[in-house]
Amino acid sequence: MSTEAYAVDEAAILVTESAVSKVKELIEDEGNDDLKLRVFVTGGGCSGFQYGFTFDELVGDEDSVVESGGIRVLVDSLSYPFLSGATVDYEQGLAGSKFVITNPNASSTCGCGSSFSV
């Protein structure tokens, strides 16, 4: 894994201004400018796959890196085909706040918004 040299893949996913702002806020709260948002797909959820978000300092050899608004988003090689062309947003409402993904690759999504099928 590398912390410096990596290829940037601008076409992988889009990140809204709202999501960029929230990621910057969370990174500032952690006090670690080396953090990057990792977006991934795992098996599970009510529709077969679900989205996950975490922070990571390291860029893996197989990671795609998206730079948007001063943040870096990591997508691993297994998740990339499922997330290519997707948009990451941050929504706030009466039910709470969360990161959400709008995914053109999903054939259906569940009501919670964190689970999908292809």
PDB file of N, CA and C in Angstrom:
ATOM      1  N   MET A   1       0.835  -1.186   0.000  1.00  0.00           N
ATOM      2  CA  MET A   1       0.000   0.000   0.000  1.00  0.00           C
ATOM      3  C   MET A   1       0.875   1.243   0.000  1.00  0.00           C
ATOM      4  N   SER A   2       0.363   2.270  -0.622  1.00  0.00           N
ATOM      5  CA  SER A   2       1.121   3.504  -0.761  1.00  0.00           C
ATOM      6  C   SER A   2       0.365   4.648  -0.106  1.00  0.00           C
ATOM      7  N   THR A   3       1.097   5.627   0.358  1.00  0.00           N
ATOM      8  CA  THR A   3       0.442   6.810   0.905  1.00  0.00           C
ATOM      9  C   THR A   3       0.621   8.019   0.010  1.00  0.00           C
ATOM     10  N   GLU A   4       1.414   7.890  -1.076  1.00  0.00           N
ATOM     11  CA  GLU A   4       1.673   9.068  -1.888  1.00  0.00           C
ATOM     12  C   GLU A   4       1.420   8.875  -3.375  1.00  0.00           C
ATOM     13  N   ALA A   5       2.026   7.893  -4.004  1.00  0.00           N
ATOM     14  CA  ALA A   5       1.929   7.739  -5.455  1.00  0.00           C
ATOM     15  C   ALA A   5       0.689   6.926  -5.811  1.00  0.00           C
ATOM     16  N   TYR A   6      -0.202   7.520  -6.590  1.00  0.00           N
ATOM     17  CA  TYR A   6      -1.406   6.824  -7.010  1.00  0.00           C
ATOM     18  C   TYR A   6      -1.940   7.480  -8.269  1.00  0.00           C
ATOM     19  N   ALA A   7      -2.722   6.714  -9.015  1.00  0.00           N
ATOM     20  CA  ALA A   7      -3.357   7.242 -10.223  1.00  0.00           C
ATOM     21  C   ALA A   7      -4.721   7.795  -9.850  1.00  0.00           C
ATOM     22  N   VAL A   8      -5.072   8.918 -10.433  1.00  0.00           N
ATOM     23  CA  VAL A   8      -6.363   9.547 -10.162  1.00  0.00           C
ATOM     24  C   VAL A   8      -7.328   9.179 -11.272  1.00  0.00           C
ATOM     25  N   ASP A   9      -8.504   8.698 -10.890  1.00  0.00           N
ATOM     26  CA  ASP A   9      -9.528   8.289 -11.845  1.00  0.00           C
ATOM     27  C   ASP A   9     -10.745   9.184 -11.658  1.00  0.00           C
ATOM     28  N   GLU A  10     -10.791  10.280 -12.398  1.00  0.00           N
ATOM     29  CA  GLU A  10     -11.868  11.263 -12.237  1.00  0.00           C
ATOM     30  C   GLU A  10     -13.236  10.723 -12.654  1.00  0.00           C
ATOM     31  N   ALA A  11     -13.275   9.704 -13.522  1.00  0.00           N
ATOM     32  CA  ALA A  11     -14.550   9.216 -14.038  1.00  0.00           C
ATOM     33  C   ALA A  11     -15.219   8.206 -13.116  1.00  0.00           C
ATOM     34  N   ALA A  12     -14.515   7.750 -12.093  1.00  0.00           N
ATOM     35  CA  ALA A  12     -15.043   6.673 -11.264  1.00  0.00           C
ATOM     36  C   ALA A  12     -16.373   7.040 -10.625  1.00  0.00           C
ATOM     37  N   ILE A  13     -16.395   8.064  -9.805  1.00  0.00           N
ATOM     38  CA  ILE A  13     -17.623   8.501  -9.157  1.00  0.00           C
ATOM     39  C   ILE A  13     -17.615  10.013  -9.023  1.00  0.00           C
ATOM     40  N   LEU A  14     -18.795  10.567  -8.905  1.00  0.00           N
ATOM     41  CA  LEU A  14     -18.947  12.000  -8.676  1.00  0.00           C
ATOM     42  C   LEU A  14     -19.244  12.218  -7.197  1.00  0.00           C
ATOM     43  N   VAL A  15     -18.777  13.327  -6.662  1.00  0.00           N
ATOM     44  CA  VAL A  15     -19.009  13.660  -5.260  1.00  0.00           C
ATOM     45  C   VAL A  15     -19.629  15.048  -5.220  1.00  0.00           C
ATOM     46  N   THR A  16     -20.810  15.158  -4.611  1.00  0.00           N
ATOM     47  CA  THR A  16     -21.496  16.447  -4.564  1.00  0.00           C
ATOM     48  C   THR A  16     -20.793  17.403  -3.605  1.00  0.00           C
ATOM     49  N   GLU A  17     -21.110  18.673  -3.752  1.00  0.00           N
ATOM     50  CA  GLU A  17     -20.553  19.705  -2.879  1.00  0.00           C
ATOM     51  C   GLU A  17     -20.915  19.438  -1.419  1.00  0.00           C
ATOM     52  N   SER A  18     -22.133  18.975  -1.186  1.00  0.00           N
ATOM     53  CA  SER A  18     -22.584  18.668   0.167  1.00  0.00           C
ATOM     54  C   SER A  18     -21.744  17.546   0.783  1.00  0.00           C
ATOM     55  N   ALA A  19     -21.460  16.507  -0.003  1.00  0.00           N
ATOM     56  CA  ALA A  19     -20.642  15.396   0.492  1.00  0.00           C
ATOM     57  C   ALA A  19     -19.206  15.842   0.738  1.00  0.00           C
ATOM     58  N   VAL A  20     -18.653  16.633  -0.177  1.00  0.00           N
ATOM     59  CA  VAL A  20     -17.292  17.150  -0.003  1.00  0.00           C
ATOM     60  C   VAL A  20     -17.199  17.950   1.291  1.00  0.00           C
ATOM     61  N   SER A  21     -18.172  18.813   1.527  1.00  0.00           N
ATOM     62  CA  SER A  21     -18.182  19.651   2.724  1.00  0.00           C
ATOM     63  C   SER A  21     -18.215  18.801   3.992  1.00  0.00           C
ATOM     64  N   LYS A  22     -19.056  17.768   4.009  1.00  0.00           N
ATOM     65  CA  LYS A  22     -19.164  16.915   5.192  1.00  0.00           C
ATOM     66  C   LYS A  22     -17.889  16.114   5.410  1.00  0.00           C
ATOM     67  N   VAL A  23     -17.296  15.598   4.338  1.00  0.00           N
ATOM     68  CA  VAL A  23     -16.048  14.845   4.469  1.00  0.00           C
ATOM     69  C   VAL A  23     -14.954  15.746   5.033  1.00  0.00           C
ATOM     70  N   LYS A  24     -14.859  16.966   4.518  1.00  0.00           N
ATOM     71  CA  LYS A  24     -13.860  17.914   5.040  1.00  0.00           C
ATOM     72  C   LYS A  24     -14.083  18.169   6.530  1.00  0.00           C
ATOM     73  N   GLU A  25     -15.335  18.330   6.923  1.00  0.00           N
ATOM     74  CA  GLU A  25     -15.673  18.558   8.333  1.00  0.00           C
ATOM     75  C   GLU A  25     -15.248  17.371   9.197  1.00  0.00           C
ATOM     76  N   LEU A  26     -15.534  16.158   8.736  1.00  0.00           N
ATOM     77  CA  LEU A  26     -15.181  14.961   9.501  1.00  0.00           C
ATOM     78  C   LEU A  26     -13.670  14.783   9.600  1.00  0.00           C
ATOM     79  N   ILE A  27     -12.959  15.060   8.508  1.00  0.00           N
ATOM     80  CA  ILE A  27     -11.497  14.962   8.526  1.00  0.00           C
ATOM     81  C   ILE A  27     -10.916  15.988   9.491  1.00  0.00           C
ATOM     82  N   GLU A  28     -11.466  17.190   9.472  1.00  0.00           N
ATOM     83  CA  GLU A  28     -11.008  18.233  10.396  1.00  0.00           C
ATOM     84  C   GLU A  28     -11.260  17.818  11.844  1.00  0.00           C
ATOM     85  N   ASP A  29     -12.440  17.223  12.105  1.00  0.00           N
ATOM     86  CA  ASP A  29     -12.758  16.751  13.454  1.00  0.00           C
ATOM     87  C   ASP A  29     -11.752  15.703  13.929  1.00  0.00           C
ATOM     88  N   GLU A  30     -11.285  14.852  13.005  1.00  0.00           N
ATOM     89  CA  GLU A  30     -10.312  13.807  13.344  1.00  0.00           C
ATOM     90  C   GLU A  30      -8.901  14.369  13.493  1.00  0.00           C
ATOM     91  N   GLY A  31      -8.648  15.538  12.909  1.00  0.00           N
ATOM     92  CA  GLY A  31      -7.327  16.146  12.997  1.00  0.00           C
ATOM     93  C   GLY A  31      -6.259  15.412  12.210  1.00  0.00           C
ATOM     94  N   ASN A  32      -6.658  14.754  11.105  1.00  0.00           N
ATOM     95  CA  ASN A  32      -5.710  13.966  10.312  1.00  0.00           C
ATOM     96  C   ASN A  32      -5.931  14.247   8.829  1.00  0.00           C
ATOM     97  N   ASP A  33      -5.111  15.109   8.261  1.00  0.00           N
ATOM     98  CA  ASP A  33      -5.259  15.489   6.854  1.00  0.00           C
ATOM     99  C   ASP A  33      -4.926  14.369   5.878  1.00  0.00           C
ATOM    100  N   ASP A  34      -4.379  13.248   6.361  1.00  0.00           N
ATOM    101  CA  ASP A  34      -4.057  12.113   5.485  1.00  0.00           C
ATOM    102  C   ASP A  34      -5.268  11.224   5.214  1.00  0.00           C
ATOM    103  N   LEU A  35      -6.389  11.482   5.882  1.00  0.00           N
ATOM    104  CA  LEU A  35      -7.567  10.633   5.706  1.00  0.00           C
ATOM    105  C   LEU A  35      -8.204  10.839   4.339  1.00  0.00           C
ATOM    106  N   LYS A  36      -8.665   9.718   3.786  1.00  0.00           N
ATOM    107  CA  LYS A  36      -9.392   9.706   2.520  1.00  0.00           C
ATOM    108  C   LYS A  36     -10.691   8.938   2.751  1.00  0.00           C
ATOM    109  N   LEU A  37     -11.751   9.307   2.053  1.00  0.00           N
ATOM    110  CA  LEU A  37     -13.020   8.591   2.179  1.00  0.00           C
ATOM    111  C   LEU A  37     -12.966   7.347   1.305  1.00  0.00           C
ATOM    112  N   ARG A  38     -13.169   6.187   1.907  1.00  0.00           N
ATOM    113  CA  ARG A  38     -13.236   4.939   1.149  1.00  0.00           C
ATOM    114  C   ARG A  38     -14.710   4.571   0.984  1.00  0.00           C
ATOM    115  N   VAL A  39     -15.114   4.374  -0.275  1.00  0.00           N
ATOM    116  CA  VAL A  39     -16.476   3.951  -0.599  1.00  0.00           C
ATOM    117  C   VAL A  39     -16.366   2.539  -1.157  1.00  0.00           C
ATOM    118  N   PHE A  40     -17.190   1.625  -0.653  1.00  0.00           N
ATOM    119  CA  PHE A  40     -17.071   0.234  -1.084  1.00  0.00           C
ATOM    120  C   PHE A  40     -18.432  -0.447  -1.142  1.00  0.00           C
ATOM    121  N   VAL A  41     -18.431  -1.620  -1.757  1.00  0.00           N
ATOM    122  CA  VAL A  41     -19.631  -2.438  -1.882  1.00  0.00           C
ATOM    123  C   VAL A  41     -19.344  -3.780  -1.218  1.00  0.00           C
ATOM    124  N   THR A  42     -20.300  -4.256  -0.425  1.00  0.00           N
ATOM    125  CA  THR A  42     -20.187  -5.580   0.181  1.00  0.00           C
ATOM    126  C   THR A  42     -21.463  -6.356  -0.099  1.00  0.00           C
ATOM    127  N   GLY A  43     -21.391  -7.666   0.045  1.00  0.00           N
ATOM    128  CA  GLY A  43     -22.584  -8.485  -0.068  1.00  0.00           C
ATOM    129  C   GLY A  43     -23.441  -8.287   1.164  1.00  0.00           C
ATOM    130  N   GLY A  44     -24.758  -8.330   0.971  1.00  0.00           N
ATOM    131  CA  GLY A  44     -25.654  -8.187   2.112  1.00  0.00           C
ATOM    132  C   GLY A  44     -26.738  -7.179   1.844  1.00  0.00           C
ATOM    133  N   GLY A  45     -27.442  -6.824   2.874  1.00  0.00           N
ATOM    134  CA  GLY A  45     -28.558  -5.900   2.712  1.00  0.00           C
ATOM    135  C   GLY A  45     -29.754  -6.636   2.135  1.00  0.00           C
ATOM    136  N   CYS A  46     -30.867  -5.969   2.053  1.00  0.00           N
ATOM    137  CA  CYS A  46     -32.091  -6.626   1.597  1.00  0.00           C
ATOM    138  C   CYS A  46     -32.157  -6.778   0.081  1.00  0.00           C
ATOM    139  N   SER A  47     -31.249  -6.136  -0.666  1.00  0.00           N
ATOM    140  CA  SER A  47     -31.279  -6.245  -2.126  1.00  0.00           C
ATOM    141  C   SER A  47     -30.074  -6.985  -2.700  1.00  0.00           C
ATOM    142  N   GLY A  48     -29.193  -7.505  -1.865  1.00  0.00           N
ATOM    143  CA  GLY A  48     -28.068  -8.288  -2.352  1.00  0.00           C
ATOM    144  C   GLY A  48     -26.709  -7.657  -2.135  1.00  0.00           C
ATOM    145  N   PHE A  49     -26.604  -6.358  -2.329  1.00  0.00           N
ATOM    146  CA  PHE A  49     -25.356  -5.624  -2.096  1.00  0.00           C
ATOM    147  C   PHE A  49     -25.667  -4.412  -1.231  1.00  0.00           C
ATOM    148  N   GLN A  50     -24.655  -3.939  -0.516  1.00  0.00           N
ATOM    149  CA  GLN A  50     -24.841  -2.713   0.249  1.00  0.00           C
ATOM    150  C   GLN A  50     -23.591  -1.852   0.162  1.00  0.00           C
ATOM    151  N   TYR A  51     -23.793  -0.553   0.340  1.00  0.00           N
ATOM    152  CA  TYR A  51     -22.704   0.411   0.292  1.00  0.00           C
ATOM    153  C   TYR A  51     -22.086   0.559   1.669  1.00  0.00           C
ATOM    154  N   GLY A  52     -20.808   0.872   1.675  1.00  0.00           N
ATOM    155  CA  GLY A  52     -20.123   1.150   2.924  1.00  0.00           C
ATOM    156  C   GLY A  52     -19.214   2.357   2.776  1.00  0.00           C
ATOM    157  N   PHE A  53     -18.973   3.031   3.874  1.00  0.00           N
ATOM    158  CA  PHE A  53     -18.111   4.213   3.913  1.00  0.00           C
ATOM    159  C   PHE A  53     -17.200   4.095   5.124  1.00  0.00           C
ATOM    160  N   THR A  54     -15.944   4.438   4.941  1.00  0.00           N
ATOM    161  CA  THR A  54     -15.000   4.499   6.049  1.00  0.00           C
ATOM    162  C   THR A  54     -13.885   5.472   5.671  1.00  0.00           C
ATOM    163  N   PHE A  55     -13.069   5.826   6.631  1.00  0.00           N
ATOM    164  CA  PHE A  55     -11.898   6.651   6.338  1.00  0.00           C
ATOM    165  C   PHE A  55     -10.660   5.769   6.349  1.00  0.00           C
ATOM    166  N   ASP A  56      -9.711   6.095   5.487  1.00  0.00           N
ATOM    167  CA  ASP A  56      -8.494   5.311   5.345  1.00  0.00           C
ATOM    168  C   ASP A  56      -7.333   6.260   5.080  1.00  0.00           C
ATOM    169  N   GLU A  57      -6.183   5.971   5.666  1.00  0.00           N
ATOM    170  CA  GLU A  57      -4.986   6.769   5.397  1.00  0.00           C
ATOM    171  C   GLU A  57      -4.214   6.244   4.194  1.00  0.00           C
ATOM    172  N   LEU A  58      -4.331   4.947   3.927  1.00  0.00           N
ATOM    173  CA  LEU A  58      -3.517   4.298   2.905  1.00  0.00           C
ATOM    174  C   LEU A  58      -4.283   4.085   1.607  1.00  0.00           C
ATOM    175  N   VAL A  59      -3.563   4.216   0.501  1.00  0.00           N
ATOM    176  CA  VAL A  59      -4.111   3.923  -0.819  1.00  0.00           C
ATOM    177  C   VAL A  59      -3.577   2.559  -1.224  1.00  0.00           C
ATOM    178  N   GLY A  60      -4.485   1.601  -1.467  1.00  0.00           N
ATOM    179  CA  GLY A  60      -4.075   0.267  -1.877  1.00  0.00           C
ATOM    180  C   GLY A  60      -3.622   0.244  -3.327  1.00  0.00           C
ATOM    181  N   ASP A  61      -2.821  -0.754  -3.669  1.00  0.00           N
ATOM    182  CA  ASP A  61      -2.311  -0.892  -5.034  1.00  0.00           C
ATOM    183  C   ASP A  61      -3.428  -1.016  -6.059  1.00  0.00           C
ATOM    184  N   GLU A  62      -4.556  -1.574  -5.674  1.00  0.00           N
ATOM    185  CA  GLU A  62      -5.675  -1.799  -6.594  1.00  0.00           C
ATOM    186  C   GLU A  62      -6.763  -0.731  -6.470  1.00  0.00           C
ATOM    187  N   ASP A  63      -6.525   0.308  -5.690  1.00  0.00           N
ATOM    188  CA  ASP A  63      -7.524   1.360  -5.489  1.00  0.00           C
ATOM    189  C   ASP A  63      -7.564   2.339  -6.652  1.00  0.00           C
ATOM    190  N   SER A  64      -8.758   2.798  -6.983  1.00  0.00           N
ATOM    191  CA  SER A  64      -8.929   3.965  -7.845  1.00  0.00           C
ATOM    192  C   SER A  64      -9.109   5.154  -6.915  1.00  0.00           C
ATOM    193  N   VAL A  65      -8.560   6.291  -7.296  1.00  0.00           N
ATOM    194  CA  VAL A  65      -8.622   7.487  -6.470  1.00  0.00           C
ATOM    195  C   VAL A  65      -9.346   8.578  -7.239  1.00  0.00           C
ATOM    196  N   VAL A  66     -10.354   9.160  -6.608  1.00  0.00           N
ATOM    197  CA  VAL A  66     -11.089  10.280  -7.187  1.00  0.00           C
ATOM    198  C   VAL A  66     -10.790  11.500  -6.330  1.00  0.00           C
ATOM    199  N   GLU A  67     -10.373  12.584  -6.960  1.00  0.00           N
ATOM    200  CA  GLU A  67     -10.158  13.837  -6.248  1.00  0.00           C
ATOM    201  C   GLU A  67     -11.289  14.787  -6.603  1.00  0.00           C
ATOM    202  N   SER A  68     -11.913  15.332  -5.574  1.00  0.00           N
ATOM    203  CA  SER A  68     -13.053  16.221  -5.788  1.00  0.00           C
ATOM    204  C   SER A  68     -13.093  17.265  -4.683  1.00  0.00           C
ATOM    205  N   GLY A  69     -13.030  18.515  -5.049  1.00  0.00           N
ATOM    206  CA  GLY A  69     -13.171  19.595  -4.077  1.00  0.00           C
ATOM    207  C   GLY A  69     -12.161  19.576  -2.954  1.00  0.00           C
ATOM    208  N   GLY A  70     -10.994  19.006  -3.192  1.00  0.00           N
ATOM    209  CA  GLY A  70      -9.967  18.972  -2.162  1.00  0.00           C
ATOM    210  C   GLY A  70      -9.976  17.732  -1.294  1.00  0.00           C
ATOM    211  N   ILE A  71     -10.853  16.776  -1.581  1.00  0.00           N
ATOM    212  CA  ILE A  71     -10.837  15.506  -0.857  1.00  0.00           C
ATOM    213  C   ILE A  71     -10.471  14.392  -1.829  1.00  0.00           C
ATOM    214  N   ARG A  72     -10.058  13.261  -1.269  1.00  0.00           N
ATOM    215  CA  ARG A  72      -9.768  12.078  -2.074  1.00  0.00           C
ATOM    216  C   ARG A  72     -10.708  10.952  -1.655  1.00  0.00           C
ATOM    217  N   VAL A  73     -11.281  10.300  -2.670  1.00  0.00           N
ATOM    218  CA  VAL A  73     -12.184   9.177  -2.452  1.00  0.00           C
ATOM    219  C   VAL A  73     -11.521   7.939  -3.030  1.00  0.00           C
ATOM    220  N   LEU A  74     -11.485   6.862  -2.251  1.00  0.00           N
ATOM    221  CA  LEU A  74     -10.884   5.605  -2.676  1.00  0.00           C
ATOM    222  C   LEU A  74     -11.971   4.597  -3.006  1.00  0.00           C
ATOM    223  N   VAL A  75     -11.764   3.854  -4.099  1.00  0.00           N
ATOM    224  CA  VAL A  75     -12.670   2.769  -4.480  1.00  0.00           C
ATOM    225  C   VAL A  75     -11.801   1.564  -4.824  1.00  0.00           C
ATOM    226  N   ASP A  76     -12.002   0.442  -4.132  1.00  0.00           N
ATOM    227  CA  ASP A  76     -11.197  -0.746  -4.402  1.00  0.00           C
ATOM    228  C   ASP A  76     -11.615  -1.388  -5.723  1.00  0.00           C
ATOM    229  N   SER A  77     -10.759  -2.253  -6.247  1.00  0.00           N
ATOM    230  CA  SER A  77     -10.980  -2.825  -7.578  1.00  0.00           C
ATOM    231  C   SER A  77     -12.220  -3.715  -7.653  1.00  0.00           C
ATOM    232  N   LEU A  78     -12.619  -4.354  -6.561  1.00  0.00           N
ATOM    233  CA  LEU A  78     -13.824  -5.186  -6.576  1.00  0.00           C
ATOM    234  C   LEU A  78     -15.095  -4.343  -6.577  1.00  0.00           C
ATOM    235  N   SER A  79     -15.060  -3.198  -5.907  1.00  0.00           N
ATOM    236  CA  SER A  79     -16.229  -2.314  -5.837  1.00  0.00           C
ATOM    237  C   SER A  79     -16.372  -1.431  -7.065  1.00  0.00           C
ATOM    238  N   TYR A  80     -15.258  -1.178  -7.745  1.00  0.00           N
ATOM    239  CA  TYR A  80     -15.248  -0.224  -8.861  1.00  0.00           C
ATOM    240  C   TYR A  80     -16.324  -0.495  -9.919  1.00  0.00           C
ATOM    241  N   PRO A  81     -16.482  -1.735 -10.408  1.00  0.00           N
ATOM    242  CA  PRO A  81     -17.509  -1.952 -11.445  1.00  0.00           C
ATOM    243  C   PRO A  81     -18.927  -1.620 -10.977  1.00  0.00           C
ATOM    244  N   PHE A  82     -19.180  -1.774  -9.688  1.00  0.00           N
ATOM    245  CA  PHE A  82     -20.500  -1.483  -9.139  1.00  0.00           C
ATOM    246  C   PHE A  82     -20.717   0.015  -8.920  1.00  0.00           C
ATOM    247  N   LEU A  83     -19.633   0.768  -8.741  1.00  0.00           N
ATOM    248  CA  LEU A  83     -19.732   2.188  -8.388  1.00  0.00           C
ATOM    249  C   LEU A  83     -19.380   3.141  -9.521  1.00  0.00           C
ATOM    250  N   SER A  84     -18.846   2.635 -10.603  1.00  0.00           N
ATOM    251  CA  SER A  84     -18.446   3.499 -11.714  1.00  0.00           C
ATOM    252  C   SER A  84     -19.644   4.293 -12.228  1.00  0.00           C
ATOM    253  N   GLY A  85     -19.521   5.598 -12.242  1.00  0.00           N
ATOM    254  CA  GLY A  85     -20.602   6.474 -12.697  1.00  0.00           C
ATOM    255  C   GLY A  85     -21.572   6.895 -11.611  1.00  0.00           C
ATOM    256  N   ALA A  86     -21.385   6.396 -10.392  1.00  0.00           N
ATOM    257  CA  ALA A  86     -22.292   6.727  -9.286  1.00  0.00           C
ATOM    258  C   ALA A  86     -21.979   8.114  -8.722  1.00  0.00           C
ATOM    259  N   THR A  87     -22.936   8.653  -7.972  1.00  0.00           N
ATOM    260  CA  THR A  87     -22.781   9.947  -7.310  1.00  0.00           C
ATOM    261  C   THR A  87     -22.915   9.759  -5.807  1.00  0.00           C
ATOM    262  N   VAL A  88     -21.955  10.293  -5.054  1.00  0.00           N
ATOM    263  CA  VAL A  88     -22.001  10.273  -3.593  1.00  0.00           C
ATOM    264  C   VAL A  88     -22.510  11.632  -3.131  1.00  0.00           C
ATOM    265  N   ASP A  89     -23.549  11.620  -2.297  1.00  0.00           N
ATOM    266  CA  ASP A  89     -24.132  12.845  -1.774  1.00  0.00           C
ATOM    267  C   ASP A  89     -24.244  12.717  -0.257  1.00  0.00           C
ATOM    268  N   TYR A  90     -24.464  13.842   0.399  1.00  0.00           N
ATOM    269  CA  TYR A  90     -24.721  13.859   1.835  1.00  0.00           C
ATOM    270  C   TYR A  90     -26.041  14.565   2.040  1.00  0.00           C
ATOM    271  N   GLU A  91     -26.988  13.862   2.675  1.00  0.00           N
ATOM    272  CA  GLU A  91     -28.329  14.409   2.871  1.00  0.00           C
ATOM    273  C   GLU A  91     -28.623  14.571   4.355  1.00  0.00           C
ATOM    274  N   GLN A  92     -29.328  15.664   4.667  1.00  0.00           N
ATOM    275  CA  GLN A  92     -29.783  15.914   6.028  1.00  0.00           C
ATOM    276  C   GLN A  92     -31.290  16.099   5.995  1.00  0.00           C
ATOM    277  N   GLY A  93     -31.978  15.462   6.926  1.00  0.00           N
ATOM    278  CA  GLY A  93     -33.426  15.586   6.972  1.00  0.00           C
ATOM    279  C   GLY A  93     -33.946  15.253   8.353  1.00  0.00           C
ATOM    280  N   LEU A  94     -35.260  15.164   8.467  1.00  0.00           N
ATOM    281  CA  LEU A  94     -35.887  14.868   9.754  1.00  0.00           C
ATOM    282  C   LEU A  94     -35.495  13.497  10.284  1.00  0.00           C
ATOM    283  N   ALA A  95     -35.243  12.555   9.386  1.00  0.00           N
ATOM    284  CA  ALA A  95     -34.884  11.200   9.798  1.00  0.00           C
ATOM    285  C   ALA A  95     -33.403  11.074  10.142  1.00  0.00           C
ATOM    286  N   GLY A  96     -32.640  12.147   9.992  1.00  0.00           N
ATOM    287  CA  GLY A  96     -31.213  12.108  10.289  1.00  0.00           C
ATOM    288  C   GLY A  96     -30.394  12.530   9.088  1.00  0.00           C
ATOM    289  N   SER A  97     -29.114  12.293   9.157  1.00  0.00           N
ATOM    290  CA  SER A  97     -28.229  12.660   8.061  1.00  0.00           C
ATOM    291  C   SER A  97     -27.378  11.454   7.692  1.00  0.00           C
ATOM    292  N   LYS A  98     -27.020  11.367   6.397  1.00  0.00           N
ATOM    293  CA  LYS A  98     -26.238  10.219   5.943  1.00  0.00           C
ATOM    294  C   LYS A  98     -25.676  10.483   4.554  1.00  0.00           C
ATOM    295  N   PHE A  99     -24.635   9.731   4.234  1.00  0.00           N
ATOM    296  CA  PHE A  99     -24.132   9.701   2.874  1.00  0.00           C
ATOM    297  C   PHE A  99     -25.028   8.766   2.074  1.00  0.00           C
ATOM    298  N   VAL A 100     -25.367   9.157   0.859  1.00  0.00           N
ATOM    299  CA  VAL A 100     -26.193   8.328  -0.014  1.00  0.00           C
ATOM    300  C   VAL A 100     -25.532   8.240  -1.384  1.00  0.00           C
ATOM    301  N   ILE A 101     -25.803   7.150  -2.072  1.00  0.00           N
ATOM    302  CA  ILE A 101     -25.249   6.935  -3.406  1.00  0.00           C
ATOM    303  C   ILE A 101     -26.380   6.795  -4.400  1.00  0.00           C
ATOM    304  N   THR A 102     -26.284   7.563  -5.483  1.00  0.00           N
ATOM    305  CA  THR A 102     -27.172   7.395  -6.629  1.00  0.00           C
ATOM    306  C   THR A 102     -26.366   6.615  -7.653  1.00  0.00           C
ATOM    307  N   ASN A 103     -26.833   5.415  -7.969  1.00  0.00           N
ATOM    308  CA  ASN A 103     -26.032   4.488  -8.764  1.00  0.00           C
ATOM    309  C   ASN A 103     -26.753   4.078 -10.046  1.00  0.00           C
ATOM    310  N   PRO A 104     -26.235   4.486 -11.210  1.00  0.00           N
ATOM    311  CA  PRO A 104     -26.872   4.106 -12.471  1.00  0.00           C
ATOM    312  C   PRO A 104     -26.719   2.619 -12.790  1.00  0.00           C
ATOM    313  N   ASN A 105     -25.844   1.921 -12.078  1.00  0.00           N
ATOM    314  CA  ASN A 105     -25.631   0.491 -12.308  1.00  0.00           C
ATOM    315  C   ASN A 105     -26.630  -0.380 -11.554  1.00  0.00           C
ATOM    316  N   ALA A 106     -27.354   0.196 -10.609  1.00  0.00           N
ATOM    317  CA  ALA A 106     -28.292  -0.568  -9.785  1.00  0.00           C
ATOM    318  C   ALA A 106     -29.597  -0.783 -10.545  1.00  0.00           C
ATOM    319  N   SER A 107     -30.029  -2.038 -10.614  1.00  0.00           N
ATOM    320  CA  SER A 107     -31.308  -2.323 -11.264  1.00  0.00           C
ATOM    321  C   SER A 107     -32.468  -2.092 -10.305  1.00  0.00           C
ATOM    322  N   SER A 108     -32.202  -2.193  -9.004  1.00  0.00           N
ATOM    323  CA  SER A 108     -33.212  -1.866  -7.999  1.00  0.00           C
ATOM    324  C   SER A 108     -32.500  -1.490  -6.704  1.00  0.00           C
ATOM    325  N   THR A 109     -33.179  -0.703  -5.892  1.00  0.00           N
ATOM    326  CA  THR A 109     -32.644  -0.316  -4.593  1.00  0.00           C
ATOM    327  C   THR A 109     -33.702  -0.566  -3.536  1.00  0.00           C
ATOM    328  N   CYS A 110     -33.267  -0.670  -2.313  1.00  0.00           N
ATOM    329  CA  CYS A 110     -34.208  -0.887  -1.228  1.00  0.00           C
ATOM    330  C   CYS A 110     -34.608   0.464  -0.639  1.00  0.00           C
ATOM    331  N   GLY A 111     -35.634   0.494   0.146  1.00  0.00           N
ATOM    332  CA  GLY A 111     -36.147   1.740   0.703  1.00  0.00           C
ATOM    333  C   GLY A 111     -35.164   2.472   1.594  1.00  0.00           C
ATOM    334  N   CYS A 112     -34.234   1.744   2.195  1.00  0.00           N
ATOM    335  CA  CYS A 112     -33.259   2.390   3.087  1.00  0.00           C
ATOM    336  C   CYS A 112     -32.211   3.165   2.302  1.00  0.00           C
ATOM    337  N   GLY A 113     -32.038   2.847   1.019  1.00  0.00           N
ATOM    338  CA  GLY A 113     -31.083   3.559   0.181  1.00  0.00           C
ATOM    339  C   GLY A 113     -29.657   3.073   0.295  1.00  0.00           C
ATOM    340  N   SER A 114     -29.393   2.116   1.176  1.00  0.00           N
ATOM    341  CA  SER A 114     -28.022   1.630   1.306  1.00  0.00           C
ATOM    342  C   SER A 114     -27.837   0.240   0.716  1.00  0.00           C
ATOM    343  N   SER A 115     -28.890  -0.318   0.146  1.00  0.00           N
ATOM    344  CA  SER A 115     -28.835  -1.653  -0.428  1.00  0.00           C
ATOM    345  C   SER A 115     -29.328  -1.606  -1.871  1.00  0.00           C
ATOM    346  N   PHE A 116     -28.715  -2.446  -2.739  1.00  0.00           N
ATOM    347  CA  PHE A 116     -29.087  -2.425  -4.154  1.00  0.00           C
ATOM    348  C   PHE A 116     -28.820  -3.776  -4.796  1.00  0.00           C
ATOM    349  N   SER A 117     -29.347  -3.957  -5.992  1.00  0.00           N
ATOM    350  CA  SER A 117     -29.038  -5.142  -6.795  1.00  0.00           C
ATOM    351  C   SER A 117     -28.681  -4.694  -8.201  1.00  0.00           C
ATOM    352  N   VAL A 118     -27.987  -5.580  -8.926  1.00  0.00           N
ATOM    353  CA  VAL A 118     -27.590  -5.268 -10.305  1.00  0.00           C
ATOM    354  C   VAL A 118     -28.140  -6.306 -11.256  1.00  0.00           C
TER     355      VAL A 118
END
